[in-house]
Amino acid sequence: MKKLIKHIKDLFKKQKVSLDPNSVEGKVLTALNTIIQSPAIQGMEFKVSSKCDKTSVINDIEFCDEVYVHDSYEEQTLNNTCIDACKVTRDAAKDICDATRATCNTGCDAVKVGYDACIGTCDVTRQACKGGCSAVDWTCNGCCSKGCDSASSSCKSGCNSAFPYQSCTDGCNKMSSDCKSGADSMYNVCVDACGYLTITGGYSFRLLNIKGVGTIQVTNVYDMVPKENELNVFSVSMDLNVPQVIANSYYKLWQDPIPAVEGNLPVVATDVKGSAKGTLTIVCDGSDESGYYLQLDSLTIEIPTNIYDSNALTQLVYALGMEVEYVTGGIVDMNQMLLDMANGMLADEVMKVINDILDDMKIADANC
């Protein structure tokens, strides 16, 4: 058919025809939407790659490993479980130190009772001594009272020797301090022995399928412009819309020794936009084949670029104790691979199946 069209164009290349943009635009729009929804287009089978054995149709595009990213990581981290055990042992040892100090001070309290009684006796004796000095002190300038004070001071010194309360409490405090220093030293040795743990983890993200592209609609046809140096050949632009696209994807996340989590995440996008450009050729030969013929030159389908629910993935990452930056790069790569495929293989495949039908289809009769 293409050769026939070219031959006819050559025969009639000097025959100028008029183009009514308004009527032709509407006919192109109607024809394309009719073609897209036809059983021929909707049922045309293809595979996304030569390595994929899954059969796709335009409304259910199945993937194998064409959009697949995965990675693993390994890092050294402190053995916090071991360190926590060291802390428990140290704290228990310090509790024993405090309990021993309290017991020691209880013994010192008994010493203090004897000390207080001894001091009290010294004070009573001093007061009794001074009671007998009033008749004497006036003749010896207080010599009697001074003697009483001196005797009391000697008495109290004897109390300190007989009942060493202060040295007892000092000893208890030093013993507790030495005990806690020993616990700290034991903790440091324990932590040094803990060493590091090797943590391993990773992720897998795979696009499973894209559903809904088959509902694509042409919403506008515009900019019909004659092609330079080509008679009866026009370029044409089109706006596209897909009411709803569902991208189904698979995820797997793991970080040892926690079991891996995996599942599917669907992302629904509505009113997905697209655009296309085509070549409209007018054939005029006086036969039934005279009319308008269209071929698509380019097609862009802006399917969802974010195929993963970031919030849902973030919660899963945190639940596993992973760092979110471990998976961020994978998600970015996945989105880019999907975008590249949408504007590459996917757009080319959709354009191919549409052009296969357009190849022999007259859009409208030409007023030649």
Protein backbone atom coordinates (compact mmCIF):
# COMPACT_ATOMS: atom_id res chain seq x y z
CA MET A 1 0.00 0.00 0.00
CA LYS A 2 2.83 2.41 0.85
CA LYS A 3 4.40 1.88 -2.57
CA LEU A 4 1.02 2.47 -4.19
CA ILE A 5 0.56 5.70 -2.29
CA LYS A 6 4.02 6.88 -3.32
CA HIS A 7 3.32 5.98 -6.95
CA ILE A 8 0.00 7.80 -6.92
CA LYS A 9 1.61 10.84 -5.27
CA ASP A 10 4.23 10.90 -8.01
CA LEU A 11 1.59 10.76 -10.70
CA PHE A 12 -0.46 13.56 -9.22
CA LYS A 13 2.23 15.61 -7.53
CA LYS A 14 1.32 18.65 -9.57
CA GLN A 15 -2.33 18.40 -8.61
CA LYS A 16 -2.90 20.92 -5.82
CA VAL A 17 -5.73 20.14 -3.39
CA SER A 18 -7.28 22.26 -0.69
CA LEU A 19 -7.25 21.18 2.94
CA ASP A 20 -10.14 21.95 5.24
CA PRO A 21 -8.43 21.78 8.67
CA ASN A 22 -11.61 21.84 10.70
CA SER A 23 -13.29 18.87 9.05
CA VAL A 24 -10.08 16.89 8.64
CA GLU A 25 -9.04 17.37 12.25
CA GLY A 26 -12.33 15.97 13.47
CA LYS A 27 -12.13 13.02 11.07
CA VAL A 28 -8.55 12.23 12.13
CA LEU A 29 -9.56 12.35 15.81
CA THR A 30 -12.59 10.11 15.26
CA ALA A 31 -10.69 7.66 13.08
CA LEU A 32 -7.80 7.27 15.49
CA ASN A 33 -10.05 6.73 18.51
CA THR A 34 -12.05 4.17 16.54
CA ILE A 35 -8.89 2.36 15.48
CA ILE A 36 -7.43 2.32 18.99
CA GLN A 37 -10.56 0.71 20.43
CA SER A 38 -10.90 -1.79 17.59
CA PRO A 39 -10.40 -5.52 18.30
CA ALA A 40 -7.44 -5.47 15.92
CA ILE A 41 -5.54 -3.00 18.11
CA GLN A 42 -6.79 -4.19 21.50
CA GLY A 43 -6.09 -7.83 20.70
CA MET A 44 -2.77 -7.44 18.89
CA GLU A 45 -0.18 -9.44 20.84
CA PHE A 46 3.47 -8.56 21.33
CA LYS A 47 6.36 -9.13 23.71
CA VAL A 48 8.21 -6.31 25.45
CA SER A 49 11.57 -7.87 24.57
CA SER A 50 13.05 -10.86 22.79
CA LYS A 51 14.06 -12.30 26.16
CA CYS A 52 10.58 -12.11 27.68
CA ASP A 53 8.19 -15.00 27.04
CA LYS A 54 5.14 -13.17 28.46
CA THR A 55 2.54 -12.10 25.91
CA SER A 56 1.27 -8.52 26.11
CA VAL A 57 -1.59 -6.59 24.59
CA ILE A 58 -1.85 -2.82 24.59
CA ASN A 59 -4.16 -2.78 27.62
CA ASP A 60 -2.09 -5.28 29.64
CA ILE A 61 1.64 -4.91 29.08
CA GLU A 62 3.56 -7.66 30.88
CA PHE A 63 7.23 -7.37 31.87
CA CYS A 64 9.91 -9.90 32.74
CA ASP A 65 13.19 -8.34 33.89
CA GLU A 66 13.15 -5.32 31.59
CA VAL A 67 12.47 -2.94 34.48
CA TYR A 68 14.28 -4.57 37.39
CA VAL A 69 16.80 -3.22 39.88
CA HIS A 70 18.43 -4.91 42.83
CA ASP A 71 21.36 -4.34 45.15
CA SER A 72 22.85 -5.56 48.41
CA TYR A 73 25.03 -3.93 51.03
CA GLU A 74 27.36 -4.86 53.86
CA GLU A 75 28.54 -2.65 56.69
CA GLN A 76 30.37 -2.87 60.00
CA THR A 77 28.56 -1.70 63.12
CA LEU A 78 29.12 -1.88 66.85
CA ASN A 79 27.83 -5.00 68.58
CA ASN A 80 25.22 -3.09 70.55
CA THR A 81 23.66 -6.23 72.02
CA CYS A 82 27.00 -7.17 73.57
CA ILE A 83 27.59 -3.61 74.77
CA ASP A 84 24.16 -3.51 76.39
CA ALA A 85 25.01 -6.73 78.24
CA CYS A 86 28.24 -5.12 79.47
CA LYS A 87 26.23 -2.16 80.77
CA VAL A 88 23.87 -4.45 82.65
CA THR A 89 26.81 -6.22 84.32
CA ARG A 90 28.47 -2.91 85.24
CA ASP A 91 25.27 -1.45 86.70
CA ALA A 92 24.68 -4.62 88.75
CA ALA A 93 28.24 -4.44 90.12
CA LYS A 94 27.76 -0.79 91.12
CA ASP A 95 24.51 -1.69 92.87
CA ILE A 96 26.50 -4.20 94.94
CA CYS A 97 29.06 -1.48 95.71
CA ASP A 98 26.28 0.80 96.99
CA ALA A 99 24.72 -2.01 99.04
CA THR A 100 28.10 -2.85 100.64
CA ARG A 101 28.67 0.82 101.47
CA ALA A 102 25.26 1.00 103.12
CA THR A 103 26.07 -2.10 105.22
CA CYS A 104 29.43 -0.62 106.19
CA ASN A 105 27.80 2.64 107.25
CA THR A 106 25.36 0.71 109.42
CA GLY A 107 28.37 -0.55 111.40
CA CYS A 108 29.65 3.01 111.61
CA ASP A 109 26.30 4.08 113.07
CA ALA A 110 26.88 1.72 116.01
CA VAL A 111 30.30 3.31 116.55
CA LYS A 112 28.66 6.73 116.46
CA VAL A 113 26.32 5.75 119.31
CA GLY A 114 29.33 5.02 121.57
CA TYR A 115 31.08 8.17 120.32
CA ASP A 116 28.07 10.36 121.09
CA ALA A 117 27.71 8.82 124.57
CA CYS A 118 31.41 9.37 125.29
CA ILE A 119 31.25 12.99 124.17
CA GLY A 120 28.17 13.48 126.30
CA THR A 121 29.99 12.17 129.36
CA CYS A 122 32.87 14.54 128.67
CA ASP A 123 30.47 17.48 128.51
CA VAL A 124 28.69 16.50 131.73
CA THR A 125 32.01 16.12 133.54
CA ARG A 126 33.16 19.53 132.26
CA GLN A 127 29.99 21.21 133.52
CA ALA A 128 30.32 19.55 136.92
CA CYS A 129 33.95 20.61 137.09
CA LYS A 130 33.10 24.21 136.34
CA GLY A 131 30.38 24.17 138.98
CA GLY A 132 32.99 23.82 141.67
CA CYS A 133 35.29 26.52 140.29
CA SER A 134 33.28 29.62 141.19
CA ALA A 135 34.89 30.00 144.62
CA VAL A 136 38.37 29.61 143.25
CA ASP A 137 38.45 31.30 139.87
CA TRP A 138 38.24 34.81 141.33
CA THR A 139 41.54 34.35 143.14
CA CYS A 140 43.43 32.62 140.24
CA ASN A 141 42.09 34.42 137.22
CA GLY A 142 39.88 31.52 135.98
CA CYS A 143 42.48 28.84 136.40
CA CYS A 144 39.93 26.30 137.60
CA SER A 145 37.60 26.70 134.60
CA LYS A 146 40.53 26.49 132.20
CA GLY A 147 41.51 23.25 133.79
CA CYS A 148 37.99 21.92 133.31
CA ASP A 149 38.10 22.84 129.60
CA SER A 150 41.46 21.17 129.14
CA ALA A 151 40.27 18.01 130.83
CA SER A 152 37.16 17.99 128.60
CA SER A 153 39.26 18.36 125.47
CA SER A 154 41.43 15.43 126.50
CA CYS A 155 38.31 13.43 127.26
CA LYS A 156 36.90 14.05 123.74
CA SER A 157 40.21 13.10 122.15
CA GLY A 158 39.92 9.84 123.99
CA CYS A 159 36.42 9.44 122.55
CA ASN A 160 37.80 9.84 119.01
CA SER A 161 40.36 7.13 119.70
CA ALA A 162 37.90 4.79 121.39
CA PHE A 163 35.07 5.36 118.91
CA PRO A 164 36.60 6.30 115.42
CA TYR A 165 33.30 7.18 113.65
CA GLN A 166 34.74 9.59 111.04
CA SER A 167 37.47 7.24 109.94
CA CYS A 168 34.85 4.47 109.74
CA THR A 169 32.64 6.44 107.31
CA ASP A 170 35.70 7.56 105.31
CA GLY A 171 36.70 3.93 104.96
CA CYS A 172 33.20 2.97 103.77
CA ASN A 173 33.24 5.72 101.13
CA LYS A 174 36.69 4.77 99.85
CA MET A 175 35.74 1.13 99.63
CA SER A 176 32.65 2.06 97.55
CA SER A 177 34.70 4.32 95.26
CA ASP A 178 37.30 1.60 94.67
CA CYS A 179 34.52 -0.90 94.02
CA LYS A 180 32.87 1.33 91.35
CA SER A 181 36.21 2.06 89.69
CA GLY A 182 36.68 -1.68 89.38
CA ALA A 183 33.21 -2.00 87.79
CA ASP A 184 34.07 0.70 85.23
CA SER A 185 37.34 -1.01 84.38
CA MET A 186 35.51 -4.31 83.94
CA TYR A 187 32.98 -2.58 81.63
CA ASN A 188 35.72 -1.11 79.42
CA VAL A 189 37.36 -4.51 79.02
CA CYS A 190 33.98 -6.06 78.20
CA VAL A 191 33.18 -3.43 75.52
CA ASP A 192 36.60 -3.83 73.93
CA ALA A 193 35.92 -7.54 73.61
CA CYS A 194 32.54 -6.96 71.93
CA GLY A 195 34.04 -5.82 68.64
CA TYR A 196 31.90 -5.20 65.51
CA LEU A 197 29.09 -6.96 63.71
CA THR A 198 28.74 -7.28 59.92
CA ILE A 199 25.22 -6.31 58.80
CA THR A 200 24.01 -7.39 55.36
CA GLY A 201 20.83 -6.42 53.53
CA GLY A 202 19.45 -5.46 50.17
CA TYR A 203 16.45 -4.84 47.94
CA SER A 204 14.78 -5.98 44.72
CA PHE A 205 12.30 -3.88 42.74
CA ARG A 206 10.58 -5.20 39.60
CA LEU A 207 7.82 -3.79 37.38
CA LEU A 208 5.29 -6.58 36.75
CA ASN A 209 2.81 -5.00 34.36
CA ILE A 210 1.11 -1.81 33.21
CA LYS A 211 -2.63 -1.93 32.67
CA GLY A 212 -4.86 0.68 31.10
CA VAL A 213 -2.82 2.01 28.18
CA GLY A 214 -5.40 0.47 25.85
CA THR A 215 -7.91 3.12 26.90
CA ILE A 216 -5.76 5.85 25.36
CA GLN A 217 -7.79 8.59 23.66
CA VAL A 218 -6.94 11.29 21.14
CA THR A 219 -8.34 14.49 22.66
CA ASN A 220 -7.12 17.10 20.20
CA VAL A 221 -5.75 17.31 16.65
CA TYR A 222 -4.08 20.57 15.66
CA ASP A 223 -1.21 22.32 13.86
CA MET A 224 -1.84 20.87 10.40
CA VAL A 225 1.06 22.36 8.47
CA PRO A 226 2.10 21.60 4.87
CA LYS A 227 5.47 19.91 4.69
CA GLU A 228 8.09 21.86 2.82
CA ASN A 229 8.71 20.73 -0.78
CA GLU A 230 6.07 17.99 -0.49
CA LEU A 231 2.76 18.46 -2.24
CA ASN A 232 -0.37 17.30 -0.43
CA VAL A 233 1.60 16.14 2.64
CA PHE A 234 0.95 17.72 6.01
CA SER A 235 2.36 17.34 9.51
CA VAL A 236 -0.17 17.10 12.31
CA SER A 237 0.03 17.20 16.12
CA MET A 238 -2.18 15.39 18.61
CA ASP A 239 -2.87 15.46 22.35
CA LEU A 240 -3.52 12.16 24.09
CA ASN A 241 -5.04 11.12 27.39
CA VAL A 242 -5.24 7.81 29.23
CA PRO A 243 -8.10 7.87 31.78
CA GLN A 244 -6.39 5.48 34.18
CA VAL A 245 -3.10 3.60 34.29
CA ILE A 246 -2.22 1.01 36.92
CA ALA A 247 1.42 0.07 37.35
CA ASN A 248 1.89 -3.10 39.41
CA SER A 249 5.30 -3.64 40.92
CA TYR A 250 7.03 -6.10 43.24
CA TYR A 251 9.38 -5.31 46.13
CA LYS A 252 11.61 -7.31 48.42
CA LEU A 253 13.57 -5.80 51.32
CA TRP A 254 15.80 -7.57 53.78
CA GLN A 255 18.38 -6.94 56.47
CA ASP A 256 19.81 -9.93 58.31
CA PRO A 257 18.90 -11.49 60.64
CA ILE A 258 15.35 -10.10 60.25
CA PRO A 259 13.31 -12.11 57.70
CA ALA A 260 12.77 -10.41 54.35
CA VAL A 261 9.52 -8.61 53.59
CA GLU A 262 8.05 -8.72 50.10
CA GLY A 263 4.85 -7.94 48.29
CA ASN A 264 3.21 -5.99 45.47
CA LEU A 265 2.56 -2.26 45.30
CA PRO A 266 0.02 -0.96 42.76
CA VAL A 267 0.13 2.71 41.79
CA VAL A 268 -2.92 4.21 40.08
CA ALA A 269 -2.59 7.34 37.94
CA THR A 270 -5.54 9.11 36.33
CA ASP A 271 -5.65 11.42 33.32
CA VAL A 272 -2.20 10.41 32.12
CA LYS A 273 -1.11 12.72 29.33
CA GLY A 274 0.58 11.97 26.06
CA SER A 275 1.27 13.47 22.65
CA ALA A 276 1.85 12.37 19.09
CA LYS A 277 2.91 13.69 15.72
CA GLY A 278 1.92 12.29 12.37
CA THR A 279 2.04 12.71 8.61
CA LEU A 280 -1.23 13.21 6.73
CA THR A 281 -1.05 12.43 3.01
CA ILE A 282 -3.77 13.28 0.48
CA VAL A 283 -4.02 10.89 -2.48
CA CYS A 284 -5.99 12.01 -5.51
CA ASP A 285 -6.25 9.57 -8.42
CA GLY A 286 -9.96 9.55 -9.12
CA SER A 287 -10.32 6.03 -7.74
CA ASP A 288 -11.88 4.68 -4.57
CA GLU A 289 -8.47 4.99 -2.93
CA SER A 290 -8.50 8.76 -3.15
CA GLY A 291 -8.56 10.26 0.30
CA TYR A 292 -6.61 11.10 3.45
CA TYR A 293 -4.04 8.65 4.84
CA LEU A 294 -2.26 8.99 8.19
CA GLN A 295 0.89 7.56 9.75
CA LEU A 296 2.15 8.31 13.25
CA ASP A 297 5.75 9.53 13.37
CA SER A 298 6.21 9.82 17.13
CA LEU A 299 4.27 8.95 20.26
CA THR A 300 4.92 9.87 23.87
CA ILE A 301 3.04 8.21 26.73
CA GLU A 302 3.75 9.77 30.10
CA ILE A 303 2.94 6.77 32.31
CA PRO A 304 3.52 7.09 36.08
CA THR A 305 7.14 7.73 36.90
CA ASN A 306 6.74 6.98 40.61
CA ILE A 307 5.83 3.30 40.56
CA TYR A 308 6.44 2.86 44.28
CA ASP A 309 4.55 4.27 47.23
CA SER A 310 7.42 6.08 48.99
CA ASN A 311 5.57 6.36 52.30
CA ALA A 312 4.75 2.66 52.42
CA LEU A 313 8.32 1.71 51.54
CA THR A 314 9.74 4.10 54.14
CA GLN A 315 7.68 2.45 56.87
CA LEU A 316 8.90 -0.98 55.77
CA VAL A 317 12.51 0.21 55.71
CA TYR A 318 12.27 1.61 59.23
CA ALA A 319 10.57 -1.57 60.49
CA LEU A 320 13.58 -3.58 59.29
CA GLY A 321 16.02 -1.19 60.94
CA MET A 322 17.46 -0.23 57.54
CA GLU A 323 18.66 3.20 56.53
CA VAL A 324 16.32 4.75 53.96
CA GLU A 325 19.22 5.91 51.78
CA TYR A 326 19.99 2.23 51.05
CA VAL A 327 16.87 1.97 48.85
CA THR A 328 16.54 5.54 47.56
CA GLY A 329 18.99 4.98 44.71
CA GLY A 330 17.14 1.86 43.61
CA ILE A 331 13.81 3.65 43.47
CA VAL A 332 15.34 6.51 41.45
CA ASP A 333 16.91 4.01 39.00
CA MET A 334 13.65 2.11 38.72
CA ASN A 335 11.67 5.22 37.91
CA GLN A 336 14.19 6.28 35.27
CA MET A 337 14.14 2.85 33.63
CA LEU A 338 10.35 2.98 33.48
CA LEU A 339 10.38 6.48 32.01
CA ASP A 340 12.95 5.47 29.38
CA MET A 341 10.87 2.43 28.45
CA ALA A 342 7.66 4.45 28.25
CA ASN A 343 9.19 6.93 25.83
CA GLY A 344 11.09 4.22 23.99
CA MET A 345 9.93 0.62 23.61
CA LEU A 346 6.39 1.13 24.91
CA ALA A 347 5.65 4.18 22.74
CA ASP A 348 7.22 2.51 19.71
CA GLU A 349 5.17 -0.67 20.19
CA VAL A 350 1.89 1.21 20.57
CA MET A 351 2.71 3.37 17.54
CA LYS A 352 3.61 0.27 15.52
CA VAL A 353 0.35 -1.55 16.14
CA ILE A 354 -1.66 1.60 15.34
CA ASN A 355 0.34 2.27 12.15
CA ASP A 356 -0.21 -1.34 11.04
CA ILE A 357 -3.93 -0.60 10.90
CA LEU A 358 -3.54 2.94 9.52
CA ASP A 359 -1.36 1.66 6.69
CA ASP A 360 -4.35 0.53 4.61
CA MET A 361 -7.04 2.71 6.13
CA LYS A 362 -8.44 5.81 4.46
CA ILE A 363 -9.25 8.41 7.09
CA ALA A 364 -11.65 10.33 4.87
CA ASP A 365 -12.48 10.97 1.23
CA ALA A 366 -10.56 13.76 -0.42
CA ASN A 367 -12.25 16.55 -2.30
CA CYS A 368 -9.92 16.36 -5.31
